[in-house]
């Protein structure tokens, strides 16, 4: 009974981790896409620079978390 419960819980945890990883990956891709089109939306250089800096900071946080969650996925699976 205990191995069944452990396998079930491990499966549920993996599903949640994969979902979070996919969402984070999509967010990182979206941030990159917004960064590419930002010059077409904003003409003022100071505001453009500020937006780019904020997007880059957010992208770095997301990529760092993706690396951590990837490690958790690998560690929990094997």
C-alpha atoms as a PDB file:
ATOM      1  CA  UNK A   1       0.000   0.000   0.000  1.00  0.00           C
ATOM      2  CA  UNK A   2       2.781   2.457   0.880  1.00  0.00           C
ATOM      3  CA  UNK A   3       4.622   2.009  -2.474  1.00  0.00           C
ATOM      4  CA  UNK A   4       1.366   2.676  -4.323  1.00  0.00           C
ATOM      5  CA  UNK A   5       0.799   5.896  -2.389  1.00  0.00           C
ATOM      6  CA  UNK A   6       4.416   6.982  -2.928  1.00  0.00           C
ATOM      7  CA  UNK A   7       4.191   6.333  -6.677  1.00  0.00           C
ATOM      8  CA  UNK A   8       0.898   8.198  -6.873  1.00  0.00           C
ATOM      9  CA  UNK A   9       2.269  11.203  -4.979  1.00  0.00           C
ATOM     10  CA  UNK A  10       5.470  11.183  -7.021  1.00  0.00           C
ATOM     11  CA  UNK A  11       3.409  11.203 -10.206  1.00  0.00           C
ATOM     12  CA  UNK A  12       1.303  14.131  -8.994  1.00  0.00           C
ATOM     13  CA  UNK A  13       4.408  16.090  -8.000  1.00  0.00           C
ATOM     14  CA  UNK A  14       5.977  15.462 -11.408  1.00  0.00           C
ATOM     15  CA  UNK A  15       2.825  16.652 -13.178  1.00  0.00           C
ATOM     16  CA  UNK A  16       2.879  19.894 -11.172  1.00  0.00           C
ATOM     17  CA  UNK A  17       6.599  20.423 -11.803  1.00  0.00           C
ATOM     18  CA  UNK A  18       6.215  19.805 -15.547  1.00  0.00           C
ATOM     19  CA  UNK A  19       3.280  22.217 -15.674  1.00  0.00           C
ATOM     20  CA  UNK A  20       5.284  24.895 -13.877  1.00  0.00           C
ATOM     21  CA  UNK A  21       8.256  24.304 -16.160  1.00  0.00           C
ATOM     22  CA  UNK A  22       6.080  24.649 -19.269  1.00  0.00           C
ATOM     23  CA  UNK A  23       4.494  27.848 -17.972  1.00  0.00           C
ATOM     24  CA  UNK A  24       7.904  29.319 -17.118  1.00  0.00           C
ATOM     25  CA  UNK A  25       9.285  28.368 -20.511  1.00  0.00           C
ATOM     26  CA  UNK A  26       6.327  30.069 -22.196  1.00  0.00           C
ATOM     27  CA  UNK A  27       6.840  33.155 -20.057  1.00  0.00           C
ATOM     28  CA  UNK A  28      10.534  33.338 -20.993  1.00  0.00           C
ATOM     29  CA  UNK A  29       9.626  33.024 -24.679  1.00  0.00           C
ATOM     30  CA  UNK A  30       6.974  35.725 -24.319  1.00  0.00           C
ATOM     31  CA  UNK A  31       9.410  38.086 -22.619  1.00  0.00           C
ATOM     32  CA  UNK A  32      11.884  37.568 -25.479  1.00  0.00           C
ATOM     33  CA  UNK A  33       9.165  38.261 -28.060  1.00  0.00           C
ATOM     34  CA  UNK A  34       8.047  41.434 -26.295  1.00  0.00           C
ATOM     35  CA  UNK A  35      11.669  42.592 -26.121  1.00  0.00           C
ATOM     36  CA  UNK A  36      12.011  42.207 -29.895  1.00  0.00           C
ATOM     37  CA  UNK A  37       8.932  44.316 -30.650  1.00  0.00           C
ATOM     38  CA  UNK A  38       9.470  46.933 -27.955  1.00  0.00           C
ATOM     39  CA  UNK A  39      11.254  49.446 -30.246  1.00  0.00           C
ATOM     40  CA  UNK A  40       8.214  49.450 -32.535  1.00  0.00           C
ATOM     41  CA  UNK A  41       5.895  50.273 -29.629  1.00  0.00           C
ATOM     42  CA  UNK A  42       8.008  52.812 -27.707  1.00  0.00           C
ATOM     43  CA  UNK A  43       9.823  55.699 -29.339  1.00  0.00           C
ATOM     44  CA  UNK A  44      11.154  57.491 -26.263  1.00  0.00           C
ATOM     45  CA  UNK A  45      14.681  56.165 -25.632  1.00  0.00           C
ATOM     46  CA  UNK A  46      14.695  56.468 -21.827  1.00  0.00           C
ATOM     47  CA  UNK A  47      11.401  54.631 -21.484  1.00  0.00           C
ATOM     48  CA  UNK A  48      12.541  51.983 -23.969  1.00  0.00           C
ATOM     49  CA  UNK A  49      15.736  51.405 -21.991  1.00  0.00           C
ATOM     50  CA  UNK A  50      13.785  51.149 -18.742  1.00  0.00           C
ATOM     51  CA  UNK A  51      11.374  48.599 -20.214  1.00  0.00           C
ATOM     52  CA  UNK A  52      14.255  46.563 -21.636  1.00  0.00           C
ATOM     53  CA  UNK A  53      15.987  46.516 -18.251  1.00  0.00           C
ATOM     54  CA  UNK A  54      12.830  45.394 -16.453  1.00  0.00           C
ATOM     55  CA  UNK A  55      12.169  42.674 -19.046  1.00  0.00           C
ATOM     56  CA  UNK A  56      15.753  41.435 -18.825  1.00  0.00           C
ATOM     57  CA  UNK A  57      15.583  41.264 -15.020  1.00  0.00           C
ATOM     58  CA  UNK A  58      12.328  39.309 -15.199  1.00  0.00           C
ATOM     59  CA  UNK A  59      13.716  36.980 -17.860  1.00  0.00           C
ATOM     60  CA  UNK A  60      16.764  36.223 -15.721  1.00  0.00           C
ATOM     61  CA  UNK A  61      14.565  35.393 -12.719  1.00  0.00           C
ATOM     62  CA  UNK A  62      12.430  33.066 -14.857  1.00  0.00           C
ATOM     63  CA  UNK A  63      15.461  31.328 -16.394  1.00  0.00           C
ATOM     64  CA  UNK A  64      16.987  30.843 -12.945  1.00  0.00           C
ATOM     65  CA  UNK A  65      13.758  29.287 -11.665  1.00  0.00           C
ATOM     66  CA  UNK A  66      13.539  27.089 -14.769  1.00  0.00           C
ATOM     67  CA  UNK A  67      17.012  25.770 -14.049  1.00  0.00           C
ATOM     68  CA  UNK A  68      16.039  25.013 -10.469  1.00  0.00           C
ATOM     69  CA  UNK A  69      12.798  23.302 -11.481  1.00  0.00           C
ATOM     70  CA  UNK A  70      14.614  21.290 -14.170  1.00  0.00           C
ATOM     71  CA  UNK A  71      16.992  20.046 -11.482  1.00  0.00           C
ATOM     72  CA  UNK A  72      14.035  19.103  -9.278  1.00  0.00           C
ATOM     73  CA  UNK A  73      12.393  17.251 -12.158  1.00  0.00           C
ATOM     74  CA  UNK A  74      15.535  15.297 -12.866  1.00  0.00           C
ATOM     75  CA  UNK A  75      16.242  14.597  -9.203  1.00  0.00           C
ATOM     76  CA  UNK A  76      12.705  13.421  -8.404  1.00  0.00           C
ATOM     77  CA  UNK A  77      12.390  11.220 -11.465  1.00  0.00           C
ATOM     78  CA  UNK A  78      15.545   9.179 -10.934  1.00  0.00           C
END
